[in-house]
PDB file of N, CA and C in Angstrom:
ATOM      1  N   MET A   1       0.827  -1.188   0.000  1.00  0.00           N
ATOM      2  CA  MET A   1       0.001   0.000   0.000  1.00  0.00           C
ATOM      3  C   MET A   1       0.875   1.259   0.000  1.00  0.00           C
ATOM      4  N   LEU A   2       1.950   1.228   0.790  1.00  0.00           N
ATOM      5  CA  LEU A   2       2.829   2.386   0.854  1.00  0.00           C
ATOM      6  C   LEU A   2       3.466   2.672  -0.507  1.00  0.00           C
ATOM      7  N   ALA A   3       3.894   1.618  -1.192  1.00  0.00           N
ATOM      8  CA  ALA A   3       4.496   1.814  -2.516  1.00  0.00           C
ATOM      9  C   ALA A   3       3.476   2.407  -3.491  1.00  0.00           C
ATOM     10  N   ALA A   4       2.256   1.916  -3.439  1.00  0.00           N
ATOM     11  CA  ALA A   4       1.199   2.454  -4.313  1.00  0.00           C
ATOM     12  C   ALA A   4       0.938   3.920  -3.989  1.00  0.00           C
ATOM     13  N   ALA A   5       0.922   4.244  -2.708  1.00  0.00           N
ATOM     14  CA  ALA A   5       0.690   5.632  -2.305  1.00  0.00           C
ATOM     15  C   ALA A   5       1.819   6.524  -2.793  1.00  0.00           C
ATOM     16  N   ARG A   6       3.054   6.085  -2.613  1.00  0.00           N
ATOM     17  CA  ARG A   6       4.190   6.896  -3.070  1.00  0.00           C
ATOM     18  C   ARG A   6       4.152   7.136  -4.564  1.00  0.00           C
ATOM     19  N   THR A   7       3.816   6.107  -5.315  1.00  0.00           N
ATOM     20  CA  THR A   7       3.730   6.258  -6.769  1.00  0.00           C
ATOM     21  C   THR A   7       2.650   7.271  -7.122  1.00  0.00           C
ATOM     22  N   ALA A   8       1.494   7.145  -6.496  1.00  0.00           N
ATOM     23  CA  ALA A   8       0.391   8.075  -6.768  1.00  0.00           C
ATOM     24  C   ALA A   8       0.767   9.500  -6.359  1.00  0.00           C
ATOM     25  N   PHE A   9       1.413   9.650  -5.210  1.00  0.00           N
ATOM     26  CA  PHE A   9       1.818  10.988  -4.758  1.00  0.00           C
ATOM     27  C   PHE A   9       2.819  11.595  -5.731  1.00  0.00           C
ATOM     28  N   ALA A  10       3.752  10.779  -6.233  1.00  0.00           N
ATOM     29  CA  ALA A  10       4.759  11.281  -7.177  1.00  0.00           C
ATOM     30  C   ALA A  10       4.110  11.701  -8.498  1.00  0.00           C
ATOM     31  N   GLU A  11       3.117  10.952  -8.930  1.00  0.00           N
ATOM     32  CA  GLU A  11       2.462  11.237 -10.212  1.00  0.00           C
ATOM     33  C   GLU A  11       1.487  12.411 -10.123  1.00  0.00           C
ATOM     34  N   ARG A  12       0.715  12.490  -9.027  1.00  0.00           N
ATOM     35  CA  ARG A  12      -0.358  13.476  -8.963  1.00  0.00           C
ATOM     36  C   ARG A  12      -0.239  14.475  -7.822  1.00  0.00           C
ATOM     37  N   GLY A  13       0.663  14.223  -6.879  1.00  0.00           N
ATOM     38  CA  GLY A  13       0.768  15.089  -5.711  1.00  0.00           C
ATOM     39  C   GLY A  13      -0.091  14.569  -4.577  1.00  0.00           C
ATOM     40  N   PHE A  14       0.354  14.745  -3.358  1.00  0.00           N
ATOM     41  CA  PHE A  14      -0.328  14.215  -2.182  1.00  0.00           C
ATOM     42  C   PHE A  14      -1.789  14.651  -2.117  1.00  0.00           C
ATOM     43  N   GLU A  15      -2.032  15.927  -2.342  1.00  0.00           N
ATOM     44  CA  GLU A  15      -3.378  16.475  -2.153  1.00  0.00           C
ATOM     45  C   GLU A  15      -4.368  16.032  -3.226  1.00  0.00           C
ATOM     46  N   ARG A  16      -3.874  15.517  -4.345  1.00  0.00           N
ATOM     47  CA  ARG A  16      -4.764  15.081  -5.431  1.00  0.00           C
ATOM     48  C   ARG A  16      -5.031  13.576  -5.413  1.00  0.00           C
ATOM     49  N   VAL A  17      -4.528  12.902  -4.395  1.00  0.00           N
ATOM     50  CA  VAL A  17      -4.725  11.451  -4.281  1.00  0.00           C
ATOM     51  C   VAL A  17      -5.643  11.194  -3.091  1.00  0.00           C
ATOM     52  N   ASN A  18      -6.666  10.351  -3.311  1.00  0.00           N
ATOM     53  CA  ASN A  18      -7.564  10.042  -2.193  1.00  0.00           C
ATOM     54  C   ASN A  18      -7.322   8.619  -1.687  1.00  0.00           C
ATOM     55  N   VAL A  19      -7.903   8.318  -0.556  1.00  0.00           N
ATOM     56  CA  VAL A  19      -7.704   7.014   0.078  1.00  0.00           C
ATOM     57  C   VAL A  19      -8.184   5.884  -0.827  1.00  0.00           C
ATOM     58  N   GLY A  20      -9.266   6.096  -1.548  1.00  0.00           N
ATOM     59  CA  GLY A  20      -9.753   5.066  -2.465  1.00  0.00           C
ATOM     60  C   GLY A  20      -8.719   4.708  -3.521  1.00  0.00           C
ATOM     61  N   GLN A  21      -8.027   5.708  -4.043  1.00  0.00           N
ATOM     62  CA  GLN A  21      -6.997   5.455  -5.049  1.00  0.00           C
ATOM     63  C   GLN A  21      -5.804   4.712  -4.440  1.00  0.00           C
ATOM     64  N   ILE A  22      -5.433   5.085  -3.220  1.00  0.00           N
ATOM     65  CA  ILE A  22      -4.320   4.399  -2.546  1.00  0.00           C
ATOM     66  C   ILE A  22      -4.694   2.941  -2.287  1.00  0.00           C
ATOM     67  N   ALA A  23      -5.896   2.723  -1.766  1.00  0.00           N
ATOM     68  CA  ALA A  23      -6.345   1.358  -1.473  1.00  0.00           C
ATOM     69  C   ALA A  23      -6.381   0.516  -2.751  1.00  0.00           C
ATOM     70  N   ALA A  24      -6.961   1.062  -3.819  1.00  0.00           N
ATOM     71  CA  ALA A  24      -7.039   0.326  -5.081  1.00  0.00           C
ATOM     72  C   ALA A  24      -5.643   0.013  -5.607  1.00  0.00           C
ATOM     73  N   GLY A  25      -4.737   0.976  -5.530  1.00  0.00           N
ATOM     74  CA  GLY A  25      -3.365   0.752  -5.982  1.00  0.00           C
ATOM     75  C   GLY A  25      -2.642  -0.300  -5.163  1.00  0.00           C
ATOM     76  N   GLY A  26      -3.023  -0.422  -3.912  1.00  0.00           N
ATOM     77  CA  GLY A  26      -2.415  -1.426  -3.042  1.00  0.00           C
ATOM     78  C   GLY A  26      -3.153  -2.747  -3.030  1.00  0.00           C
ATOM     79  N   GLY A  27      -4.240  -2.830  -3.804  1.00  0.00           N
ATOM     80  CA  GLY A  27      -4.991  -4.078  -3.894  1.00  0.00           C
ATOM     81  C   GLY A  27      -5.796  -4.409  -2.643  1.00  0.00           C
ATOM     82  N   VAL A  28      -6.214  -3.355  -1.922  1.00  0.00           N
ATOM     83  CA  VAL A  28      -7.019  -3.565  -0.716  1.00  0.00           C
ATOM     84  C   VAL A  28      -8.264  -2.690  -0.778  1.00  0.00           C
ATOM     85  N   SER A  29      -9.170  -2.942   0.140  1.00  0.00           N
ATOM     86  CA  SER A  29     -10.384  -2.122   0.215  1.00  0.00           C
ATOM     87  C   SER A  29     -10.114  -0.878   1.066  1.00  0.00           C
ATOM     88  N   VAL A  30     -10.995   0.095   0.961  1.00  0.00           N
ATOM     89  CA  VAL A  30     -10.870   1.300   1.787  1.00  0.00           C
ATOM     90  C   VAL A  30     -10.942   0.942   3.277  1.00  0.00           C
ATOM     91  N   PRO A  31     -11.881   0.060   3.704  1.00  0.00           N
ATOM     92  CA  PRO A  31     -11.871  -0.310   5.125  1.00  0.00           C
ATOM     93  C   PRO A  31     -10.552  -0.953   5.569  1.00  0.00           C
ATOM     94  N   THR A  32      -9.933  -1.739   4.680  1.00  0.00           N
ATOM     95  CA  THR A  32      -8.637  -2.335   5.023  1.00  0.00           C
ATOM     96  C   THR A  32      -7.579  -1.247   5.173  1.00  0.00           C
ATOM     97  N   PHE A  33      -7.610  -0.243   4.299  1.00  0.00           N
ATOM     98  CA  PHE A  33      -6.682   0.883   4.448  1.00  0.00           C
ATOM     99  C   PHE A  33      -6.829   1.482   5.845  1.00  0.00           C
ATOM    100  N   TYR A  34      -8.080   1.778   6.220  1.00  0.00           N
ATOM    101  CA  TYR A  34      -8.322   2.414   7.517  1.00  0.00           C
ATOM    102  C   TYR A  34      -8.033   1.482   8.694  1.00  0.00           C
ATOM    103  N   ALA A  35      -7.987   0.191   8.464  1.00  0.00           N
ATOM    104  CA  ALA A  35      -7.588  -0.738   9.523  1.00  0.00           C
ATOM    105  C   ALA A  35      -6.097  -0.606   9.826  1.00  0.00           C
ATOM    106  N   HIS A  36      -5.337  -0.113   8.849  1.00  0.00           N
ATOM    107  CA  HIS A  36      -3.890   0.040   9.012  1.00  0.00           C
ATOM    108  C   HIS A  36      -3.451   1.476   9.275  1.00  0.00           C
ATOM    109  N   TYR A  37      -4.209   2.438   8.760  1.00  0.00           N
ATOM    110  CA  TYR A  37      -3.843   3.853   8.870  1.00  0.00           C
ATOM    111  C   TYR A  37      -5.069   4.670   9.265  1.00  0.00           C
ATOM    112  N   PRO A  38      -4.954   5.522  10.286  1.00  0.00           N
ATOM    113  CA  PRO A  38      -6.098   6.340  10.680  1.00  0.00           C
ATOM    114  C   PRO A  38      -6.478   7.401   9.644  1.00  0.00           C
ATOM    115  N   SER A  39      -5.517   7.802   8.795  1.00  0.00           N
ATOM    116  CA  SER A  39      -5.781   8.827   7.791  1.00  0.00           C
ATOM    117  C   SER A  39      -4.749   8.714   6.674  1.00  0.00           C
ATOM    118  N   LYS A  40      -4.990   9.442   5.614  1.00  0.00           N
ATOM    119  CA  LYS A  40      -4.033   9.467   4.503  1.00  0.00           C
ATOM    120  C   LYS A  40      -2.694  10.025   4.970  1.00  0.00           C
ATOM    121  N   GLU A  41      -2.716  11.000   5.861  1.00  0.00           N
ATOM    122  CA  GLU A  41      -1.484  11.589   6.381  1.00  0.00           C
ATOM    123  C   GLU A  41      -0.627  10.552   7.090  1.00  0.00           C
ATOM    124  N   HIS A  42      -1.265   9.601   7.763  1.00  0.00           N
ATOM    125  CA  HIS A  42      -0.532   8.598   8.532  1.00  0.00           C
ATOM    126  C   HIS A  42       0.238   7.609   7.667  1.00  0.00           C
ATOM    127  N   ILE A  43      -0.094   7.514   6.390  1.00  0.00           N
ATOM    128  CA  ILE A  43       0.683   6.629   5.527  1.00  0.00           C
ATOM    129  C   ILE A  43       2.058   7.245   5.257  1.00  0.00           C
ATOM    130  N   VAL A  44       2.152   8.566   5.396  1.00  0.00           N
ATOM    131  CA  VAL A  44       3.422   9.269   5.200  1.00  0.00           C
ATOM    132  C   VAL A  44       4.102   9.551   6.547  1.00  0.00           C
ATOM    133  N   MET A  45       3.310   9.971   7.518  1.00  0.00           N
ATOM    134  CA  MET A  45       3.845  10.343   8.833  1.00  0.00           C
ATOM    135  C   MET A  45       3.421   9.307   9.857  1.00  0.00           C
ATOM    136  N   GLN A  46       4.374   8.844  10.630  1.00  0.00           N
ATOM    137  CA  GLN A  46       4.070   7.847  11.638  1.00  0.00           C
ATOM    138  C   GLN A  46       4.379   8.390  13.017  1.00  0.00           C
ATOM    139  N   LEU A  47       3.401   8.290  13.889  1.00  0.00           N
ATOM    140  CA  LEU A  47       3.606   8.676  15.287  1.00  0.00           C
ATOM    141  C   LEU A  47       4.136   7.483  16.064  1.00  0.00           C
ATOM    142  N   PRO A  48       5.154   7.708  16.871  1.00  0.00           N
ATOM    143  CA  PRO A  48       5.565   6.619  17.756  1.00  0.00           C
ATOM    144  C   PRO A  48       4.491   6.421  18.819  1.00  0.00           C
ATOM    145  N   THR A  49       4.492   5.268  19.432  1.00  0.00           N
ATOM    146  CA  THR A  49       3.531   5.022  20.509  1.00  0.00           C
ATOM    147  C   THR A  49       4.141   5.460  21.834  1.00  0.00           C
ATOM    148  N   THR A  50       3.293   5.647  22.814  1.00  0.00           N
ATOM    149  CA  THR A  50       3.779   5.968  24.155  1.00  0.00           C
ATOM    150  C   THR A  50       4.693   4.849  24.649  1.00  0.00           C
ATOM    151  N   GLU A  51       4.327   3.625  24.361  1.00  0.00           N
ATOM    152  CA  GLU A  51       5.148   2.483  24.778  1.00  0.00           C
ATOM    153  C   GLU A  51       6.545   2.549  24.160  1.00  0.00           C
ATOM    154  N   GLN A  52       6.632   2.937  22.886  1.00  0.00           N
ATOM    155  CA  GLN A  52       7.940   3.078  22.247  1.00  0.00           C
ATOM    156  C   GLN A  52       8.762   4.172  22.915  1.00  0.00           C
ATOM    157  N   MET A  53       8.117   5.279  23.266  1.00  0.00           N
ATOM    158  CA  MET A  53       8.831   6.369  23.940  1.00  0.00           C
ATOM    159  C   MET A  53       9.332   5.929  25.319  1.00  0.00           C
ATOM    160  N   VAL A  54       8.496   5.226  26.064  1.00  0.00           N
ATOM    161  CA  VAL A  54       8.891   4.734  27.383  1.00  0.00           C
ATOM    162  C   VAL A  54      10.049   3.746  27.240  1.00  0.00           C
ATOM    163  N   ALA A  55       9.965   2.845  26.258  1.00  0.00           N
ATOM    164  CA  ALA A  55      11.040   1.869  26.044  1.00  0.00           C
ATOM    165  C   ALA A  55      12.348   2.567  25.680  1.00  0.00           C
ATOM    166  N   LEU A  56      12.286   3.570  24.814  1.00  0.00           N
ATOM    167  CA  LEU A  56      13.498   4.311  24.456  1.00  0.00           C
ATOM    168  C   LEU A  56      14.079   5.029  25.665  1.00  0.00           C
ATOM    169  N   LEU A  57      13.211   5.660  26.422  1.00  0.00           N
ATOM    170  CA  LEU A  57      13.677   6.384  27.602  1.00  0.00           C
ATOM    171  C   LEU A  57      14.320   5.444  28.617  1.00  0.00           C
ATOM    172  N   SER A  58      13.816   4.221  28.688  1.00  0.00           N
ATOM    173  CA  SER A  58      14.374   3.261  29.650  1.00  0.00           C
ATOM    174  C   SER A  58      15.808   2.871  29.316  1.00  0.00           C
ATOM    175  N   THR A  59      16.264   3.193  28.110  1.00  0.00           N
ATOM    176  CA  THR A  59      17.652   2.896  27.747  1.00  0.00           C
ATOM    177  C   THR A  59      18.631   3.903  28.356  1.00  0.00           C
ATOM    178  N   GLN A  60      18.097   4.969  28.950  1.00  0.00           N
ATOM    179  CA  GLN A  60      18.945   6.036  29.480  1.00  0.00           C
ATOM    180  C   GLN A  60      18.961   6.013  31.017  1.00  0.00           C
ATOM    181  N   PRO A  61      20.150   6.095  31.603  1.00  0.00           N
ATOM    182  CA  PRO A  61      20.226   6.102  33.073  1.00  0.00           C
ATOM    183  C   PRO A  61      19.487   7.305  33.660  1.00  0.00           C
ATOM    184  N   ARG A  62      18.702   7.045  34.677  1.00  0.00           N
ATOM    185  CA  ARG A  62      17.913   8.109  35.319  1.00  0.00           C
ATOM    186  C   ARG A  62      18.772   9.179  35.964  1.00  0.00           C
ATOM    187  N   GLU A  63      19.989   8.830  36.365  1.00  0.00           N
ATOM    188  CA  GLU A  63      20.825   9.817  37.053  1.00  0.00           C
ATOM    189  C   GLU A  63      21.443  10.844  36.103  1.00  0.00           C
ATOM    190  N   LEU A  64      21.338  10.613  34.800  1.00  0.00           N
ATOM    191  CA  LEU A  64      21.874  11.584  33.847  1.00  0.00           C
ATOM    192  C   LEU A  64      21.016  12.849  33.852  1.00  0.00           C
ATOM    193  N   PRO A  65      21.619  13.990  33.569  1.00  0.00           N
ATOM    194  CA  PRO A  65      20.824  15.218  33.399  1.00  0.00           C
ATOM    195  C   PRO A  65      19.850  15.041  32.224  1.00  0.00           C
ATOM    196  N   LEU A  66      18.740  15.747  32.284  1.00  0.00           N
ATOM    197  CA  LEU A  66      17.703  15.616  31.272  1.00  0.00           C
ATOM    198  C   LEU A  66      18.252  15.797  29.861  1.00  0.00           C
ATOM    199  N   ARG A  67      19.066  16.798  29.666  1.00  0.00           N
ATOM    200  CA  ARG A  67      19.631  17.048  28.332  1.00  0.00           C
ATOM    201  C   ARG A  67      20.377  15.821  27.826  1.00  0.00           C
ATOM    202  N   ASP A  68      21.186  15.213  28.668  1.00  0.00           N
ATOM    203  CA  ASP A  68      21.961  14.038  28.257  1.00  0.00           C
ATOM    204  C   ASP A  68      21.055  12.837  27.984  1.00  0.00           C
ATOM    205  N   ARG A  69      19.981  12.706  28.759  1.00  0.00           N
ATOM    206  CA  ARG A  69      19.036  11.621  28.518  1.00  0.00           C
ATOM    207  C   ARG A  69      18.353  11.787  27.158  1.00  0.00           C
ATOM    208  N   LEU A  70      17.988  13.025  26.826  1.00  0.00           N
ATOM    209  CA  LEU A  70      17.321  13.267  25.546  1.00  0.00           C
ATOM    210  C   LEU A  70      18.264  13.045  24.369  1.00  0.00           C
ATOM    211  N   VAL A  71      19.497  13.479  24.512  1.00  0.00           N
ATOM    212  CA  VAL A  71      20.484  13.238  23.450  1.00  0.00           C
ATOM    213  C   VAL A  71      20.698  11.735  23.286  1.00  0.00           C
ATOM    214  N   GLY A  72      20.816  11.037  24.400  1.00  0.00           N
ATOM    215  CA  GLY A  72      20.986   9.589  24.344  1.00  0.00           C
ATOM    216  C   GLY A  72      19.788   8.895  23.727  1.00  0.00           C
ATOM    217  N   LEU A  73      18.604   9.375  24.056  1.00  0.00           N
ATOM    218  CA  LEU A  73      17.366   8.829  23.505  1.00  0.00           C
ATOM    219  C   LEU A  73      17.364   8.966  21.983  1.00  0.00           C
ATOM    220  N   ALA A  74      17.725  10.134  21.500  1.00  0.00           N
ATOM    221  CA  ALA A  74      17.770  10.358  20.049  1.00  0.00           C
ATOM    222  C   ALA A  74      18.808   9.446  19.396  1.00  0.00           C
ATOM    223  N   SER A  75      19.943   9.284  20.043  1.00  0.00           N
ATOM    224  CA  SER A  75      20.997   8.419  19.490  1.00  0.00           C
ATOM    225  C   SER A  75      20.536   6.973  19.391  1.00  0.00           C
ATOM    226  N   VAL A  76      19.865   6.484  20.429  1.00  0.00           N
ATOM    227  CA  VAL A  76      19.364   5.104  20.419  1.00  0.00           C
ATOM    228  C   VAL A  76      18.319   4.942  19.324  1.00  0.00           C
ATOM    229  N   TRP A  77      17.408   5.911  19.209  1.00  0.00           N
ATOM    230  CA  TRP A  77      16.349   5.838  18.214  1.00  0.00           C
ATOM    231  C   TRP A  77      16.933   5.805  16.797  1.00  0.00           C
ATOM    232  N   LEU A  78      17.870   6.689  16.518  1.00  0.00           N
ATOM    233  CA  LEU A  78      18.473   6.734  15.179  1.00  0.00           C
ATOM    234  C   LEU A  78      19.296   5.488  14.884  1.00  0.00           C
ATOM    235  N   ALA A  79      19.906   4.916  15.907  1.00  0.00           N
ATOM    236  CA  ALA A  79      20.710   3.707  15.716  1.00  0.00           C
ATOM    237  C   ALA A  79      19.841   2.507  15.323  1.00  0.00           C
ATOM    238  N   LEU A  80      18.556   2.558  15.616  1.00  0.00           N
ATOM    239  CA  LEU A  80      17.644   1.470  15.258  1.00  0.00           C
ATOM    240  C   LEU A  80      17.362   1.425  13.757  1.00  0.00           C
ATOM    241  N   TRP A  81      17.652   2.508  13.056  1.00  0.00           N
ATOM    242  CA  TRP A  81      17.355   2.595  11.629  1.00  0.00           C
ATOM    243  C   TRP A  81      18.456   1.949  10.808  1.00  0.00           C
ATOM    244  N   GLY A  82      18.074   1.032   9.943  1.00  0.00           N
ATOM    245  CA  GLY A  82      19.001   0.490   8.966  1.00  0.00           C
ATOM    246  C   GLY A  82      18.982   1.365   7.721  1.00  0.00           C
ATOM    247  N   PRO A  83      19.820   1.062   6.740  1.00  0.00           N
ATOM    248  CA  PRO A  83      19.851   1.868   5.506  1.00  0.00           C
ATOM    249  C   PRO A  83      18.497   1.965   4.807  1.00  0.00           C
ATOM    250  N   GLU A  84      17.734   0.857   4.789  1.00  0.00           N
ATOM    251  CA  GLU A  84      16.428   0.892   4.124  1.00  0.00           C
ATOM    252  C   GLU A  84      15.456   1.779   4.895  1.00  0.00           C
ATOM    253  N   ASP A  85      15.596   1.818   6.218  1.00  0.00           N
ATOM    254  CA  ASP A  85      14.743   2.696   7.026  1.00  0.00           C
ATOM    255  C   ASP A  85      15.068   4.158   6.750  1.00  0.00           C
ATOM    256  N   ARG A  86      16.340   4.455   6.602  1.00  0.00           N
ATOM    257  CA  ARG A  86      16.742   5.838   6.303  1.00  0.00           C
ATOM    258  C   ARG A  86      16.207   6.265   4.945  1.00  0.00           C
ATOM    259  N   ASP A  87      16.308   5.381   3.960  1.00  0.00           N
ATOM    260  CA  ASP A  87      15.784   5.695   2.623  1.00  0.00           C
ATOM    261  C   ASP A  87      14.273   5.920   2.675  1.00  0.00           C
ATOM    262  N   ASP A  88      13.581   5.083   3.434  1.00  0.00           N
ATOM    263  CA  ASP A  88      12.139   5.222   3.590  1.00  0.00           C
ATOM    264  C   ASP A  88      11.803   6.555   4.249  1.00  0.00           C
ATOM    265  N   MET A  89      12.508   6.894   5.317  1.00  0.00           N
ATOM    266  CA  MET A  89      12.232   8.140   6.023  1.00  0.00           C
ATOM    267  C   MET A  89      12.520   9.354   5.134  1.00  0.00           C
ATOM    268  N   LEU A  90      13.601   9.292   4.376  1.00  0.00           N
ATOM    269  CA  LEU A  90      13.931  10.386   3.467  1.00  0.00           C
ATOM    270  C   LEU A  90      12.829  10.559   2.421  1.00  0.00           C
ATOM    271  N   ALA A  91      12.333   9.464   1.872  1.00  0.00           N
ATOM    272  CA  ALA A  91      11.254   9.542   0.883  1.00  0.00           C
ATOM    273  C   ALA A  91       9.996  10.157   1.509  1.00  0.00           C
ATOM    274  N   ARG A  92       9.706   9.759   2.755  1.00  0.00           N
ATOM    275  CA  ARG A  92       8.538  10.324   3.438  1.00  0.00           C
ATOM    276  C   ARG A  92       8.715  11.831   3.649  1.00  0.00           C
ATOM    277  N   TRP A  93       9.900  12.238   4.104  1.00  0.00           N
ATOM    278  CA  TRP A  93      10.118  13.665   4.368  1.00  0.00           C
ATOM    279  C   TRP A  93      10.122  14.490   3.093  1.00  0.00           C
ATOM    280  N   ARG A  94      10.481  13.894   1.978  1.00  0.00           N
ATOM    281  CA  ARG A  94      10.383  14.619   0.704  1.00  0.00           C
ATOM    282  C   ARG A  94       8.924  14.912   0.368  1.00  0.00           C
ATOM    283  N   ILE A  95       8.059  13.949   0.624  1.00  0.00           N
ATOM    284  CA  ILE A  95       6.623  14.162   0.395  1.00  0.00           C
ATOM    285  C   ILE A  95       6.120  15.252   1.337  1.00  0.00           C
ATOM    286  N   ILE A  96       6.503  15.170   2.600  1.00  0.00           N
ATOM    287  CA  ILE A  96       6.076  16.167   3.585  1.00  0.00           C
ATOM    288  C   ILE A  96       6.565  17.555   3.189  1.00  0.00           C
ATOM    289  N   ALA A  97       7.829  17.664   2.823  1.00  0.00           N
ATOM    290  CA  ALA A  97       8.408  18.967   2.485  1.00  0.00           C
ATOM    291  C   ALA A  97       7.749  19.592   1.261  1.00  0.00           C
ATOM    292  N   SER A  98       7.236  18.767   0.363  1.00  0.00           N
ATOM    293  CA  SER A  98       6.633  19.307  -0.862  1.00  0.00           C
ATOM    294  C   SER A  98       5.136  19.563  -0.727  1.00  0.00           C
ATOM    295  N   THR A  99       4.568  19.303   0.453  1.00  0.00           N
ATOM    296  CA  THR A  99       3.127  19.446   0.651  1.00  0.00           C
ATOM    297  C   THR A  99       2.860  20.371   1.833  1.00  0.00           C
ATOM    298  N   PRO A 100       2.426  21.606   1.590  1.00  0.00           N
ATOM    299  CA  PRO A 100       2.216  22.555   2.690  1.00  0.00           C
ATOM    300  C   PRO A 100       1.330  22.010   3.823  1.00  0.00           C
ATOM    301  N   ALA A 101       0.241  21.341   3.486  1.00  0.00           N
ATOM    302  CA  ALA A 101      -0.646  20.826   4.538  1.00  0.00           C
ATOM    303  C   ALA A 101       0.056  19.774   5.396  1.00  0.00           C
ATOM    304  N   LEU A 102       0.933  18.987   4.780  1.00  0.00           N
ATOM    305  CA  LEU A 102       1.669  17.975   5.548  1.00  0.00           C
ATOM    306  C   LEU A 102       2.723  18.613   6.452  1.00  0.00           C
ATOM    307  N   ARG A 103       3.284  19.718   6.020  1.00  0.00           N
ATOM    308  CA  ARG A 103       4.269  20.399   6.890  1.00  0.00           C
ATOM    309  C   ARG A 103       3.595  20.844   8.179  1.00  0.00           C
ATOM    310  N   THR A 104       2.370  21.335   8.077  1.00  0.00           N
ATOM    311  CA  THR A 104       1.619  21.733   9.269  1.00  0.00           C
ATOM    312  C   THR A 104       1.307  20.512  10.128  1.00  0.00           C
ATOM    313  N   ARG A 105       0.862  19.426   9.501  1.00  0.00           N
ATOM    314  CA  ARG A 105       0.566  18.201  10.250  1.00  0.00           C
ATOM    315  C   ARG A 105       1.829  17.624  10.885  1.00  0.00           C
ATOM    316  N   ALA A 106       2.967  17.738  10.206  1.00  0.00           N
ATOM    317  CA  ALA A 106       4.219  17.233  10.773  1.00  0.00           C
ATOM    318  C   ALA A 106       4.544  17.958  12.071  1.00  0.00           C
ATOM    319  N   ALA A 107       4.293  19.255  12.103  1.00  0.00           N
ATOM    320  CA  ALA A 107       4.530  20.018  13.331  1.00  0.00           C
ATOM    321  C   ALA A 107       3.614  19.518  14.448  1.00  0.00           C
ATOM    322  N   GLU A 108       2.365  19.184  14.114  1.00  0.00           N
ATOM    323  CA  GLU A 108       1.446  18.633  15.111  1.00  0.00           C
ATOM    324  C   GLU A 108       1.942  17.276  15.610  1.00  0.00           C
ATOM    325  N   PHE A 109       2.428  16.433  14.704  1.00  0.00           N
ATOM    326  CA  PHE A 109       2.959  15.126  15.091  1.00  0.00           C
ATOM    327  C   PHE A 109       4.177  15.301  16.002  1.00  0.00           C
ATOM    328  N   GLU A 110       5.022  16.267  15.683  1.00  0.00           N
ATOM    329  CA  GLU A 110       6.209  16.518  16.515  1.00  0.00           C
ATOM    330  C   GLU A 110       5.808  16.962  17.914  1.00  0.00           C
ATOM    331  N   ARG A 111       4.793  17.823  18.013  1.00  0.00           N
ATOM    332  CA  ARG A 111       4.310  18.238  19.343  1.00  0.00           C
ATOM    333  C   ARG A 111       3.750  17.054  20.112  1.00  0.00           C
ATOM    334  N   THR A 112       3.008  16.196  19.439  1.00  0.00           N
ATOM    335  CA  THR A 112       2.452  15.010  20.089  1.00  0.00           C
ATOM    336  C   THR A 112       3.574  14.097  20.578  1.00  0.00           C
ATOM    337  N   THR A 113       4.601  13.918  19.766  1.00  0.00           N
ATOM    338  CA  THR A 113       5.738  13.092  20.172  1.00  0.00           C
ATOM    339  C   THR A 113       6.438  13.717  21.371  1.00  0.00           C
ATOM    340  N   ALA A 114       6.615  15.024  21.354  1.00  0.00           N
ATOM    341  CA  ALA A 114       7.243  15.712  22.489  1.00  0.00           C
ATOM    342  C   ALA A 114       6.426  15.520  23.763  1.00  0.00           C
ATOM    343  N   GLU A 115       5.099  15.553  23.637  1.00  0.00           N
ATOM    344  CA  GLU A 115       4.237  15.323  24.801  1.00  0.00           C
ATOM    345  C   GLU A 115       4.396  13.895  25.322  1.00  0.00           C
ATOM    346  N   MET A 116       4.559  12.917  24.409  1.00  0.00           N
ATOM    347  CA  MET A 116       4.785  11.537  24.821  1.00  0.00           C
ATOM    348  C   MET A 116       6.102  11.412  25.597  1.00  0.00           C
ATOM    349  N   ILE A 117       7.130  12.089  25.082  1.00  0.00           N
ATOM    350  CA  ILE A 117       8.432  12.042  25.767  1.00  0.00           C
ATOM    351  C   ILE A 117       8.321  12.683  27.134  1.00  0.00           C
ATOM    352  N   ALA A 118       7.640  13.827  27.191  1.00  0.00           N
ATOM    353  CA  ALA A 118       7.461  14.513  28.484  1.00  0.00           C
ATOM    354  C   ALA A 118       6.707  13.620  29.463  1.00  0.00           C
ATOM    355  N   GLY A 119       5.683  12.945  28.986  1.00  0.00           N
ATOM    356  CA  GLY A 119       4.931  12.037  29.838  1.00  0.00           C
ATOM    357  C   GLY A 119       5.771  10.860  30.304  1.00  0.00           C
ATOM    358  N   ALA A 120       6.585  10.329  29.396  1.00  0.00           N
ATOM    359  CA  ALA A 120       7.467   9.214  29.767  1.00  0.00           C
ATOM    360  C   ALA A 120       8.515   9.666  30.781  1.00  0.00           C
ATOM    361  N   LEU A 121       9.018  10.878  30.601  1.00  0.00           N
ATOM    362  CA  LEU A 121       9.990  11.425  31.567  1.00  0.00           C
ATOM    363  C   LEU A 121       9.342  11.612  32.930  1.00  0.00           C
ATOM    364  N   ALA A 122       8.133  12.112  32.939  1.00  0.00           N
ATOM    365  CA  ALA A 122       7.439  12.339  34.206  1.00  0.00           C
ATOM    366  C   ALA A 122       7.206  11.023  34.931  1.00  0.00           C
ATOM    367  N   GLY A 123       6.883   9.990  34.182  1.00  0.00           N
ATOM    368  CA  GLY A 123       6.647   8.676  34.783  1.00  0.00           C
ATOM    369  C   GLY A 123       7.900   7.970  35.196  1.00  0.00           C
ATOM    370  N   ALA A 124       9.046   8.405  34.660  1.00  0.00           N
ATOM    371  CA  ALA A 124      10.319   7.721  34.951  1.00  0.00           C
ATOM    372  C   ALA A 124      11.071   8.324  36.125  1.00  0.00           C
ATOM    373  N   THR A 125      10.619   9.463  36.612  1.00  0.00           N
ATOM    374  CA  THR A 125      11.354  10.089  37.708  1.00  0.00           C
ATOM    375  C   THR A 125      10.943   9.578  39.049  1.00  0.00           C
TER     376      THR A 125
END
């Protein structure tokens, strides 16, 4: 489904592609699309879960200063990415960068992720 969506976005632009076209291109029904993605934006942008944030934070010693814990958290997260993950993320960010509405949504996703980290930090102290 992701490959079909990327092809459609490249050919017509993100805003001119609807969920029905993505589902058809991926050989699935619209309900199946929504079983995997809450919205069209989510096929490009992925929010980490609270559990993922807590697990990442648990890799950092509690006695470290907050700044060092956050830097360490970012390092652990980036280290999880293989070359194919980096290529995938770069392709996603190219779509986001070329779509004004997605740039706004990306900022919302970043705030949500920051809130998850803040919540995980609060629970870890």
